[in-house]
Amino acid sequence: GITFPMDLNVKMKAVMIGACFLIDFMFFEHAGDNQQRTGV
């Protein structure tokens, strides 16, 4: 889930969507093989 101010620039809203995908790949893409990262 992503929340942001209604009046935030739409370009920055799009970048926040991109940030969500990057976070998913970095920290949660391992969930199915028990090698999920737990930190930096």
Full PDB file with SEQRES, HELIX, SHEET, SSBOND, CRYST1, ORIGX, SCALE, CONECT and MASTER records, all heavy atoms in Angstrom:
SEQRES   1 A   40  GLY ILE THR PHE PRO MET ASP LEU ASN VAL LYS MET LYS          
SEQRES   2 A   40  ALA VAL MET ILE GLY ALA CYS PHE LEU ILE ASP PHE MET          
SEQRES   3 A   40  PHE PHE GLU HIS ALA GLY ASP ASN GLN GLN ARG THR GLY          
SEQRES   4 A   40  VAL                                                          
HELIX    1 AA1 VAL A   10  PHE A   27  1                                  18    
HELIX    2 AA2 ALA A   31  ASP A   33  5                                   3    
CRYST1    1.000    1.000    1.000  90.00  90.00  90.00 P 1           1          
ORIGX1      1.000000  0.000000  0.000000        0.00000                         
ORIGX2      0.000000  1.000000  0.000000        0.00000                         
ORIGX3      0.000000  0.000000  1.000000        0.00000                         
SCALE1      1.000000  0.000000  0.000000        0.00000                         
SCALE2      0.000000  1.000000  0.000000        0.00000                         
SCALE3      0.000000  0.000000  1.000000        0.00000                         
ATOM      1  N   GLY A   1       0.835  -1.179   0.000  1.00  0.00           N  
ATOM      2  CA  GLY A   1       0.000   0.000   0.000  1.00  0.00           C  
ATOM      3  C   GLY A   1       0.877   1.239   0.000  1.00  0.00           C  
ATOM      4  O   GLY A   1       1.909   1.267   0.676  1.00  0.00           O  
ATOM      5  N   ILE A   2       0.500   2.240  -0.777  1.00  0.00           N  
ATOM      6  CA  ILE A   2       1.248   3.501  -0.843  1.00  0.00           C  
ATOM      7  C   ILE A   2       0.281   4.635  -0.526  1.00  0.00           C  
ATOM      8  O   ILE A   2      -0.799   4.717  -1.111  1.00  0.00           O  
ATOM      9  CB  ILE A   2       1.863   3.738  -2.229  1.00  0.00           C  
ATOM     10  CG1 ILE A   2       2.711   2.542  -2.669  1.00  0.00           C  
ATOM     11  CG2 ILE A   2       2.699   5.007  -2.237  1.00  0.00           C  
ATOM     12  CD1 ILE A   2       3.259   2.674  -4.090  1.00  0.00           C  
ATOM     13  N   THR A   3       0.656   5.504   0.390  1.00  0.00           N  
ATOM     14  CA  THR A   3      -0.117   6.712   0.664  1.00  0.00           C  
ATOM     15  C   THR A   3       0.770   7.923   0.425  1.00  0.00           C  
ATOM     16  O   THR A   3       1.967   7.898   0.709  1.00  0.00           O  
ATOM     17  CB  THR A   3      -0.645   6.735   2.105  1.00  0.00           C  
ATOM     18  OG1 THR A   3       0.454   6.648   3.021  1.00  0.00           O  
ATOM     19  CG2 THR A   3      -1.587   5.569   2.362  1.00  0.00           C  
ATOM     20  N   PHE A   4       0.167   8.968  -0.112  1.00  0.00           N  
ATOM     21  CA  PHE A   4       0.890  10.210  -0.369  1.00  0.00           C  
ATOM     22  C   PHE A   4      -0.116  11.354  -0.364  1.00  0.00           C  
ATOM     23  O   PHE A   4      -1.335  11.141  -0.472  1.00  0.00           O  
ATOM     24  CB  PHE A   4       1.650  10.168  -1.695  1.00  0.00           C  
ATOM     25  CG  PHE A   4       0.951   9.428  -2.814  1.00  0.00           C  
ATOM     26  CD1 PHE A   4      -0.279   9.856  -3.308  1.00  0.00           C  
ATOM     27  CD2 PHE A   4       1.518   8.296  -3.369  1.00  0.00           C  
ATOM     28  CE1 PHE A   4      -0.913   9.186  -4.332  1.00  0.00           C  
ATOM     29  CE2 PHE A   4       0.882   7.605  -4.402  1.00  0.00           C  
ATOM     30  CZ  PHE A   4      -0.330   8.059  -4.880  1.00  0.00           C  
ATOM     31  N   PRO A   5       0.348  12.598  -0.223  1.00  0.00           N  
ATOM     32  CA  PRO A   5      -0.581  13.733  -0.226  1.00  0.00           C  
ATOM     33  C   PRO A   5      -1.322  13.829  -1.560  1.00  0.00           C  
ATOM     34  O   PRO A   5      -0.749  13.580  -2.618  1.00  0.00           O  
ATOM     35  CB  PRO A   5       0.337  14.946  -0.017  1.00  0.00           C  
ATOM     36  CG  PRO A   5       1.571  14.388   0.618  1.00  0.00           C  
ATOM     37  CD  PRO A   5       1.741  13.014   0.047  1.00  0.00           C  
ATOM     38  N   MET A   6      -2.596  14.185  -1.492  1.00  0.00           N  
ATOM     39  CA  MET A   6      -3.387  14.312  -2.710  1.00  0.00           C  
ATOM     40  C   MET A   6      -2.778  15.329  -3.668  1.00  0.00           C  
ATOM     41  O   MET A   6      -2.811  15.165  -4.893  1.00  0.00           O  
ATOM     42  CB  MET A   6      -4.824  14.718  -2.363  1.00  0.00           C  
ATOM     43  CG  MET A   6      -5.749  14.821  -3.551  1.00  0.00           C  
ATOM     44  SD  MET A   6      -6.180  13.205  -4.270  1.00  0.00           S  
ATOM     45  CE  MET A   6      -7.392  12.654  -3.066  1.00  0.00           C  
ATOM     46  N   ASP A   7      -2.199  16.409  -3.115  1.00  0.00           N  
ATOM     47  CA  ASP A   7      -1.672  17.476  -3.965  1.00  0.00           C  
ATOM     48  C   ASP A   7      -0.205  17.294  -4.329  1.00  0.00           C  
ATOM     49  O   ASP A   7       0.410  18.200  -4.905  1.00  0.00           O  
ATOM     50  CB  ASP A   7      -1.860  18.833  -3.294  1.00  0.00           C  
ATOM     51  CG  ASP A   7      -1.161  18.921  -1.935  1.00  0.00           C  
ATOM     52  OD1 ASP A   7      -0.625  17.900  -1.467  1.00  0.00           O  
ATOM     53  OD2 ASP A   7      -1.153  20.017  -1.342  1.00  0.00           O  
ATOM     54  N   LEU A   8       0.373  16.138  -4.027  1.00  0.00           N  
ATOM     55  CA  LEU A   8       1.753  15.879  -4.429  1.00  0.00           C  
ATOM     56  C   LEU A   8       1.841  15.845  -5.948  1.00  0.00           C  
ATOM     57  O   LEU A   8       0.953  15.332  -6.632  1.00  0.00           O  
ATOM     58  CB  LEU A   8       2.234  14.549  -3.845  1.00  0.00           C  
ATOM     59  CG  LEU A   8       3.685  14.145  -4.135  1.00  0.00           C  
ATOM     60  CD1 LEU A   8       4.664  15.095  -3.451  1.00  0.00           C  
ATOM     61  CD2 LEU A   8       3.943  12.700  -3.679  1.00  0.00           C  
ATOM     62  N   ASN A   9       2.916  16.392  -6.489  1.00  0.00           N  
ATOM     63  CA  ASN A   9       3.136  16.379  -7.932  1.00  0.00           C  
ATOM     64  C   ASN A   9       2.996  14.953  -8.479  1.00  0.00           C  
ATOM     65  O   ASN A   9       3.552  14.005  -7.923  1.00  0.00           O  
ATOM     66  CB  ASN A   9       4.538  16.923  -8.234  1.00  0.00           C  
ATOM     67  CG  ASN A   9       4.800  17.091  -9.713  1.00  0.00           C  
ATOM     68  OD1 ASN A   9       4.780  16.137 -10.484  1.00  0.00           O  
ATOM     69  ND2 ASN A   9       5.067  18.317 -10.132  1.00  0.00           N  
ATOM     70  N   VAL A  10       2.238  14.787  -9.581  1.00  0.00           N  
ATOM     71  CA  VAL A  10       1.977  13.447 -10.110  1.00  0.00           C  
ATOM     72  C   VAL A  10       3.266  12.742 -10.514  1.00  0.00           C  
ATOM     73  O   VAL A  10       3.351  11.506 -10.453  1.00  0.00           O  
ATOM     74  CB  VAL A  10       1.000  13.491 -11.303  1.00  0.00           C  
ATOM     75  CG1 VAL A  10      -0.376  13.891 -10.864  1.00  0.00           C  
ATOM     76  CG2 VAL A  10       1.515  14.406 -12.397  1.00  0.00           C  
ATOM     77  N   LYS A  11       4.279  13.499 -10.909  1.00  0.00           N  
ATOM     78  CA  LYS A  11       5.547  12.873 -11.265  1.00  0.00           C  
ATOM     79  C   LYS A  11       6.176  12.216 -10.037  1.00  0.00           C  
ATOM     80  O   LYS A  11       6.741  11.119 -10.123  1.00  0.00           O  
ATOM     81  CB  LYS A  11       6.502  13.909 -11.859  1.00  0.00           C  
ATOM     82  CG  LYS A  11       6.031  14.497 -13.186  1.00  0.00           C  
ATOM     83  CD  LYS A  11       7.026  15.529 -13.702  1.00  0.00           C  
ATOM     84  CE  LYS A  11       6.562  16.157 -15.004  1.00  0.00           C  
ATOM     85  NZ  LYS A  11       7.532  17.171 -15.507  1.00  0.00           N  
ATOM     86  N   MET A  12       6.079  12.878  -8.877  1.00  0.00           N  
ATOM     87  CA  MET A  12       6.632  12.304  -7.659  1.00  0.00           C  
ATOM     88  C   MET A  12       5.790  11.125  -7.170  1.00  0.00           C  
ATOM     89  O   MET A  12       6.308  10.195  -6.554  1.00  0.00           O  
ATOM     90  CB  MET A  12       6.744  13.376  -6.579  1.00  0.00           C  
ATOM     91  CG  MET A  12       7.742  14.489  -6.914  1.00  0.00           C  
ATOM     92  SD  MET A  12       9.413  13.857  -7.281  1.00  0.00           S  
ATOM     93  CE  MET A  12       9.421  13.870  -9.087  1.00  0.00           C  
ATOM     94  N   LYS A  13       4.480  11.157  -7.450  1.00  0.00           N  
ATOM     95  CA  LYS A  13       3.655   9.996  -7.138  1.00  0.00           C  
ATOM     96  C   LYS A  13       4.111   8.791  -7.968  1.00  0.00           C  
ATOM     97  O   LYS A  13       4.185   7.666  -7.462  1.00  0.00           O  
ATOM     98  CB  LYS A  13       2.184  10.297  -7.416  1.00  0.00           C  
ATOM     99  CG  LYS A  13       1.553  11.288  -6.446  1.00  0.00           C  
ATOM    100  CD  LYS A  13       0.074  11.495  -6.753  1.00  0.00           C  
ATOM    101  CE  LYS A  13      -0.575  12.478  -5.780  1.00  0.00           C  
ATOM    102  NZ  LYS A  13      -2.019  12.667  -6.042  1.00  0.00           N  
ATOM    103  N   ALA A  14       4.432   9.035  -9.233  1.00  0.00           N  
ATOM    104  CA  ALA A  14       4.933   7.956 -10.085  1.00  0.00           C  
ATOM    105  C   ALA A  14       6.269   7.436  -9.574  1.00  0.00           C  
ATOM    106  O   ALA A  14       6.530   6.226  -9.598  1.00  0.00           O  
ATOM    107  CB  ALA A  14       5.070   8.450 -11.529  1.00  0.00           C  
ATOM    108  N   VAL A  15       7.123   8.340  -9.082  1.00  0.00           N  
ATOM    109  CA  VAL A  15       8.418   7.907  -8.545  1.00  0.00           C  
ATOM    110  C   VAL A  15       8.220   7.102  -7.270  1.00  0.00           C  
ATOM    111  O   VAL A  15       8.955   6.133  -7.012  1.00  0.00           O  
ATOM    112  CB  VAL A  15       9.329   9.126  -8.298  1.00  0.00           C  
ATOM    113  CG1 VAL A  15      10.661   8.680  -7.703  1.00  0.00           C  
ATOM    114  CG2 VAL A  15       9.579   9.874  -9.598  1.00  0.00           C  
ATOM    115  N   MET A  16       7.217   7.433  -6.467  1.00  0.00           N  
ATOM    116  CA  MET A  16       6.936   6.640  -5.275  1.00  0.00           C  
ATOM    117  C   MET A  16       6.477   5.232  -5.638  1.00  0.00           C  
ATOM    118  O   MET A  16       6.798   4.262  -4.949  1.00  0.00           O  
ATOM    119  CB  MET A  16       5.895   7.343  -4.404  1.00  0.00           C  
ATOM    120  CG  MET A  16       6.452   8.505  -3.594  1.00  0.00           C  
ATOM    121  SD  MET A  16       5.278   9.185  -2.400  1.00  0.00           S  
ATOM    122  CE  MET A  16       5.006   7.767  -1.333  1.00  0.00           C  
ATOM    123  N   ILE A  17       5.731   5.102  -6.729  1.00  0.00           N  
ATOM    124  CA  ILE A  17       5.373   3.764  -7.207  1.00  0.00           C  
ATOM    125  C   ILE A  17       6.636   2.996  -7.573  1.00  0.00           C  
ATOM    126  O   ILE A  17       6.793   1.813  -7.235  1.00  0.00           O  
ATOM    127  CB  ILE A  17       4.416   3.865  -8.412  1.00  0.00           C  
ATOM    128  CG1 ILE A  17       3.077   4.469  -7.972  1.00  0.00           C  
ATOM    129  CG2 ILE A  17       4.200   2.501  -9.055  1.00  0.00           C  
ATOM    130  CD1 ILE A  17       2.113   4.728  -9.122  1.00  0.00           C  
ATOM    131  N   GLY A  18       7.566   3.671  -8.253  1.00  0.00           N  
ATOM    132  CA  GLY A  18       8.840   3.035  -8.580  1.00  0.00           C  
ATOM    133  C   GLY A  18       9.609   2.625  -7.338  1.00  0.00           C  
ATOM    134  O   GLY A  18      10.215   1.547  -7.287  1.00  0.00           O  
ATOM    135  N   ALA A  19       9.588   3.461  -6.293  1.00  0.00           N  
ATOM    136  CA  ALA A  19      10.273   3.138  -5.052  1.00  0.00           C  
ATOM    137  C   ALA A  19       9.697   1.874  -4.426  1.00  0.00           C  
ATOM    138  O   ALA A  19      10.429   1.046  -3.872  1.00  0.00           O  
ATOM    139  CB  ALA A  19      10.173   4.304  -4.072  1.00  0.00           C  
ATOM    140  N   CYS A  20       8.388   1.706  -4.533  1.00  0.00           N  
ATOM    141  CA  CYS A  20       7.750   0.505  -3.988  1.00  0.00           C  
ATOM    142  C   CYS A  20       8.261  -0.752  -4.679  1.00  0.00           C  
ATOM    143  O   CYS A  20       8.562  -1.754  -4.032  1.00  0.00           O  
ATOM    144  CB  CYS A  20       6.234   0.627  -4.139  1.00  0.00           C  
ATOM    145  SG  CYS A  20       5.319  -0.761  -3.453  1.00  0.00           S  
ATOM    146  N   PHE A  21       8.390  -0.713  -5.995  1.00  0.00           N  
ATOM    147  CA  PHE A  21       8.901  -1.873  -6.726  1.00  0.00           C  
ATOM    148  C   PHE A  21      10.353  -2.161  -6.352  1.00  0.00           C  
ATOM    149  O   PHE A  21      10.742  -3.323  -6.204  1.00  0.00           O  
ATOM    150  CB  PHE A  21       8.767  -1.658  -8.231  1.00  0.00           C  
ATOM    151  CG  PHE A  21       7.355  -1.792  -8.740  1.00  0.00           C  
ATOM    152  CD1 PHE A  21       6.679  -0.700  -9.258  1.00  0.00           C  
ATOM    153  CD2 PHE A  21       6.706  -3.006  -8.706  1.00  0.00           C  
ATOM    154  CE1 PHE A  21       5.377  -0.811  -9.722  1.00  0.00           C  
ATOM    155  CE2 PHE A  21       5.407  -3.143  -9.170  1.00  0.00           C  
ATOM    156  CZ  PHE A  21       4.733  -2.040  -9.676  1.00  0.00           C  
ATOM    157  N   LEU A  22      11.162  -1.120  -6.212  1.00  0.00           N  
ATOM    158  CA  LEU A  22      12.557  -1.326  -5.831  1.00  0.00           C  
ATOM    159  C   LEU A  22      12.643  -1.958  -4.447  1.00  0.00           C  
ATOM    160  O   LEU A  22      13.428  -2.895  -4.232  1.00  0.00           O  
ATOM    161  CB  LEU A  22      13.312   0.001  -5.860  1.00  0.00           C  
ATOM    162  CG  LEU A  22      14.803  -0.066  -5.500  1.00  0.00           C  
ATOM    163  CD1 LEU A  22      15.561  -0.973  -6.461  1.00  0.00           C  
ATOM    164  CD2 LEU A  22      15.414   1.337  -5.496  1.00  0.00           C  
ATOM    165  N   ILE A  23      11.847  -1.485  -3.499  1.00  0.00           N  
ATOM    166  CA  ILE A  23      11.834  -2.053  -2.152  1.00  0.00           C  
ATOM    167  C   ILE A  23      11.394  -3.510  -2.197  1.00  0.00           C  
ATOM    168  O   ILE A  23      11.943  -4.371  -1.497  1.00  0.00           O  
ATOM    169  CB  ILE A  23      10.913  -1.215  -1.245  1.00  0.00           C  
ATOM    170  CG1 ILE A  23      11.574   0.133  -0.943  1.00  0.00           C  
ATOM    171  CG2 ILE A  23      10.589  -1.953   0.047  1.00  0.00           C  
ATOM    172  CD1 ILE A  23      10.657   1.128  -0.250  1.00  0.00           C  
ATOM    173  N   ASP A  24      10.405  -3.823  -3.017  1.00  0.00           N  
ATOM    174  CA  ASP A  24       9.947  -5.207  -3.145  1.00  0.00           C  
ATOM    175  C   ASP A  24      11.080  -6.120  -3.595  1.00  0.00           C  
ATOM    176  O   ASP A  24      11.333  -7.170  -2.992  1.00  0.00           O  
ATOM    177  CB  ASP A  24       8.786  -5.267  -4.141  1.00  0.00           C  
ATOM    178  CG  ASP A  24       8.252  -6.688  -4.328  1.00  0.00           C  
ATOM    179  OD1 ASP A  24       8.316  -7.473  -3.370  1.00  0.00           O  
ATOM    180  OD2 ASP A  24       7.761  -6.998  -5.431  1.00  0.00           O  
ATOM    181  N   PHE A  25      11.791  -5.723  -4.642  1.00  0.00           N  
ATOM    182  CA  PHE A  25      12.881  -6.563  -5.145  1.00  0.00           C  
ATOM    183  C   PHE A  25      14.018  -6.669  -4.136  1.00  0.00           C  
ATOM    184  O   PHE A  25      14.623  -7.726  -3.978  1.00  0.00           O  
ATOM    185  CB  PHE A  25      13.408  -6.007  -6.473  1.00  0.00           C  
ATOM    186  CG  PHE A  25      12.670  -6.504  -7.679  1.00  0.00           C  
ATOM    187  CD1 PHE A  25      11.458  -5.942  -8.044  1.00  0.00           C  
ATOM    188  CD2 PHE A  25      13.174  -7.544  -8.450  1.00  0.00           C  
ATOM    189  CE1 PHE A  25      10.768  -6.390  -9.155  1.00  0.00           C  
ATOM    190  CE2 PHE A  25      12.487  -8.015  -9.560  1.00  0.00           C  
ATOM    191  CZ  PHE A  25      11.274  -7.434  -9.917  1.00  0.00           C  
ATOM    192  N   MET A  26      14.320  -5.596  -3.436  1.00  0.00           N  
ATOM    193  CA  MET A  26      15.463  -5.600  -2.526  1.00  0.00           C  
ATOM    194  C   MET A  26      15.227  -6.443  -1.279  1.00  0.00           C  
ATOM    195  O   MET A  26      16.136  -7.131  -0.805  1.00  0.00           O  
ATOM    196  CB  MET A  26      15.816  -4.166  -2.120  1.00  0.00           C  
ATOM    197  CG  MET A  26      16.469  -3.346  -3.206  1.00  0.00           C  
ATOM    198  SD  MET A  26      16.953  -1.707  -2.615  1.00  0.00           S  
ATOM    199  CE  MET A  26      18.177  -2.134  -1.363  1.00  0.00           C  
ATOM    200  N   PHE A  27      14.000  -6.404  -0.746  1.00  0.00           N  
ATOM    201  CA  PHE A  27      13.780  -6.984   0.572  1.00  0.00           C  
ATOM    202  C   PHE A  27      12.760  -8.113   0.631  1.00  0.00           C  
ATOM    203  O   PHE A  27      12.746  -8.861   1.617  1.00  0.00           O  
ATOM    204  CB  PHE A  27      13.347  -5.882   1.554  1.00  0.00           C  
ATOM    205  CG  PHE A  27      14.378  -4.816   1.759  1.00  0.00           C  
ATOM    206  CD1 PHE A  27      14.232  -3.578   1.168  1.00  0.00           C  
ATOM    207  CD2 PHE A  27      15.509  -5.060   2.520  1.00  0.00           C  
ATOM    208  CE1 PHE A  27      15.191  -2.587   1.348  1.00  0.00           C  
ATOM    209  CE2 PHE A  27      16.472  -4.085   2.709  1.00  0.00           C  
ATOM    210  CZ  PHE A  27      16.310  -2.846   2.126  1.00  0.00           C  
ATOM    211  N   PHE A  28      11.912  -8.279  -0.377  1.00  0.00           N  
ATOM    212  CA  PHE A  28      10.816  -9.238  -0.238  1.00  0.00           C  
ATOM    213  C   PHE A  28      10.724 -10.248  -1.373  1.00  0.00           C  
ATOM    214  O   PHE A  28       9.883 -11.131  -1.331  1.00  0.00           O  
ATOM    215  CB  PHE A  28       9.489  -8.482  -0.121  1.00  0.00           C  
ATOM    216  CG  PHE A  28       9.478  -7.496   1.002  1.00  0.00           C  
ATOM    217  CD1 PHE A  28       9.503  -6.129   0.733  1.00  0.00           C  
ATOM    218  CD2 PHE A  28       9.466  -7.915   2.313  1.00  0.00           C  
ATOM    219  CE1 PHE A  28       9.504  -5.210   1.766  1.00  0.00           C  
ATOM    220  CE2 PHE A  28       9.465  -7.006   3.357  1.00  0.00           C  
ATOM    221  CZ  PHE A  28       9.483  -5.644   3.087  1.00  0.00           C  
ATOM    222  N   GLU A  29      11.558 -10.155  -2.369  1.00  0.00           N  
ATOM    223  CA  GLU A  29      11.479 -11.074  -3.500  1.00  0.00           C  
ATOM    224  C   GLU A  29      11.971 -12.463  -3.136  1.00  0.00           C  
ATOM    225  O   GLU A  29      11.714 -13.428  -3.840  1.00  0.00           O  
ATOM    226  CB  GLU A  29      12.286 -10.508  -4.675  1.00  0.00           C  
ATOM    227  CG  GLU A  29      12.139 -11.261  -5.989  1.00  0.00           C  
ATOM    228  CD  GLU A  29      10.753 -11.125  -6.615  1.00  0.00           C  
ATOM    229  OE1 GLU A  29       9.942 -10.349  -6.095  1.00  0.00           O  
ATOM    230  OE2 GLU A  29      10.487 -11.816  -7.614  1.00  0.00           O  
ATOM    231  N   HIS A  30      12.660 -12.610  -2.002  1.00  0.00           N  
ATOM    232  CA  HIS A  30      13.183 -13.917  -1.576  1.00  0.00           C  
ATOM    233  C   HIS A  30      12.186 -14.722  -0.767  1.00  0.00           C  
ATOM    234  O   HIS A  30      12.490 -15.837  -0.376  1.00  0.00           O  
ATOM    235  CB  HIS A  30      14.421 -13.719  -0.696  1.00  0.00           C  
ATOM    236  CG  HIS A  30      15.701 -13.643  -1.459  1.00  0.00           C  
ATOM    237  ND1 HIS A  30      16.086 -14.599  -2.365  1.00  0.00           N  
ATOM    238  CD2 HIS A  30      16.696 -12.724  -1.438  1.00  0.00           C  
ATOM    239  CE1 HIS A  30      17.278 -14.271  -2.868  1.00  0.00           C  
ATOM    240  NE2 HIS A  30      17.656 -13.130  -2.331  1.00  0.00           N  
ATOM    241  N   ALA A  31      11.013 -14.181  -0.487  1.00  0.00           N  
ATOM    242  CA  ALA A  31      10.136 -14.774   0.528  1.00  0.00           C  
ATOM    243  C   ALA A  31       9.832 -16.240   0.275  1.00  0.00           C  
ATOM    244  O   ALA A  31       9.723 -17.032   1.202  1.00  0.00           O  
ATOM    245  CB  ALA A  31       8.826 -13.986   0.611  1.00  0.00           C  
ATOM    246  N   GLY A  32       9.704 -16.633  -0.989  1.00  0.00           N  
ATOM    247  CA  GLY A  32       9.318 -17.997  -1.289  1.00  0.00           C  
ATOM    248  C   GLY A  32      10.429 -19.013  -1.097  1.00  0.00           C  
ATOM    249  O   GLY A  32      10.171 -20.213  -1.009  1.00  0.00           O  
ATOM    250  N   ASP A  33      11.716 -18.594  -1.031  1.00  0.00           N  
ATOM    251  CA  ASP A  33      12.797 -19.571  -0.884  1.00  0.00           C  
ATOM    252  C   ASP A  33      13.545 -19.420   0.442  1.00  0.00           C  
ATOM    253  O   ASP A  33      14.678 -19.864   0.589  1.00  0.00           O  
ATOM    254  CB  ASP A  33      13.780 -19.470  -2.058  1.00  0.00           C  
ATOM    255  CG  ASP A  33      14.383 -18.070  -2.191  1.00  0.00           C  
ATOM    256  OD1 ASP A  33      14.227 -17.256  -1.259  1.00  0.00           O  
ATOM    257  OD2 ASP A  33      14.999 -17.807  -3.236  1.00  0.00           O  
ATOM    258  N   ASN A  34      12.888 -18.764   1.410  1.00  0.00           N  
ATOM    259  CA  ASN A  34      13.427 -18.649   2.768  1.00  0.00           C  
ATOM    260  C   ASN A  34      14.763 -17.945   2.846  1.00  0.00           C  
ATOM    261  O   ASN A  34      15.558 -18.198   3.745  1.00  0.00           O  
ATOM    262  CB  ASN A  34      13.555 -20.043   3.413  1.00  0.00           C  
ATOM    263  CG  ASN A  34      12.213 -20.756   3.532  1.00  0.00           C  
ATOM    264  OD1 ASN A  34      11.219 -20.135   3.874  1.00  0.00           O  
ATOM    265  ND2 ASN A  34      12.193 -22.045   3.222  1.00  0.00           N  
ATOM    266  N   GLN A  35      15.051 -17.058   1.903  1.00  0.00           N  
ATOM    267  CA  GLN A  35      16.285 -16.285   1.944  1.00  0.00           C  
ATOM    268  C   GLN A  35      15.999 -14.788   1.967  1.00  0.00           C  
ATOM    269  O   GLN A  35      16.786 -13.983   1.495  1.00  0.00           O  
ATOM    270  CB  GLN A  35      17.154 -16.616   0.717  1.00  0.00           C  
ATOM    271  CG  GLN A  35      17.626 -18.053   0.686  1.00  0.00           C  
ATOM    272  CD  GLN A  35      18.488 -18.336  -0.538  1.00  0.00           C  
ATOM    273  OE1 GLN A  35      18.760 -17.454  -1.341  1.00  0.00           O  
ATOM    274  NE2 GLN A  35      18.921 -19.567  -0.683  1.00  0.00           N  
ATOM    275  N   GLN A  36      14.854 -14.426   2.534  1.00  0.00           N  
ATOM    276  CA  GLN A  36      14.469 -13.023   2.557  1.00  0.00           C  
ATOM    277  C   GLN A  36      15.479 -12.200   3.333  1.00  0.00           C  
ATOM    278  O   GLN A  36      15.925 -12.578   4.410  1.00  0.00           O  
ATOM    279  CB  GLN A  36      13.088 -12.883   3.197  1.00  0.00           C  
ATOM    280  CG  GLN A  36      12.621 -11.434   3.297  1.00  0.00           C  
ATOM    281  CD  GLN A  36      11.235 -11.338   3.871  1.00  0.00           C  
ATOM    282  OE1 GLN A  36      10.419 -12.219   3.694  1.00  0.00           O  
ATOM    283  NE2 GLN A  36      10.954 -10.244   4.559  1.00  0.00           N  
ATOM    284  N   ARG A  37      15.836 -11.041   2.785  1.00  0.00           N  
ATOM    285  CA  ARG A  37      16.726 -10.126   3.492  1.00  0.00           C  
ATOM    286  C   ARG A  37      16.013  -9.545   4.699  1.00  0.00           C  
ATOM    287  O   ARG A  37      14.820  -9.299   4.686  1.00  0.00           O  
ATOM    288  CB  ARG A  37      17.156  -8.986   2.563  1.00  0.00           C  
ATOM    289  CG  ARG A  37      17.998  -9.424   1.409  1.00  0.00           C  
ATOM    290  CD  ARG A  37      18.416  -8.223   0.576  1.00  0.00           C  
ATOM    291  NE  ARG A  37      19.242  -7.299   1.357  1.00  0.00           N  
ATOM    292  CZ  ARG A  37      19.717  -6.157   0.862  1.00  0.00           C  
ATOM    293  NH1 ARG A  37      19.426  -5.807  -0.370  1.00  0.00           N  
ATOM    294  NH2 ARG A  37      20.474  -5.376   1.595  1.00  0.00           N  
ATOM    295  N   THR A  38      16.757  -9.323   5.756  1.00  0.00           N  
ATOM    296  CA  THR A  38      16.176  -8.751   6.967  1.00  0.00           C  
ATOM    297  C   THR A  38      16.736  -7.369   7.273  1.00  0.00           C  
ATOM    298  O   THR A  38      16.390  -6.778   8.283  1.00  0.00           O  
ATOM    299  CB  THR A  38      16.438  -9.681   8.177  1.00  0.00           C  
ATOM    300  OG1 THR A  38      17.856  -9.896   8.301  1.00  0.00           O  
ATOM    301  CG2 THR A  38      15.736 -11.006   7.994  1.00  0.00           C  
ATOM    302  N   GLY A  39      17.637  -6.851   6.437  1.00  0.00           N  
ATOM    303  CA  GLY A  39      18.193  -5.537   6.669  1.00  0.00           C  
ATOM    304  C   GLY A  39      19.184  -5.184   5.601  1.00  0.00           C  
ATOM    305  O   GLY A  39      19.356  -5.891   4.604  1.00  0.00           O  
ATOM    306  N   VAL A  40      19.892  -4.056   5.805  1.00  0.00           N  
ATOM    307  CA  VAL A  40      20.802  -3.571   4.767  1.00  0.00           C  
ATOM    308  C   VAL A  40      22.069  -4.409   4.674  1.00  0.00           C  
ATOM    309  O   VAL A  40      22.801  -4.332   3.678  1.00  0.00           O  
ATOM    310  CB  VAL A  40      21.172  -2.093   5.037  1.00  0.00           C  
ATOM    311  CG1 VAL A  40      19.948  -1.221   4.895  1.00  0.00           C  
ATOM    312  CG2 VAL A  40      21.804  -1.919   6.419  1.00  0.00           C  
TER     313      VAL A  40                                                      
MASTER        0    0    0    2    0    0    0    6  312    1    0    4          
END                                                                             
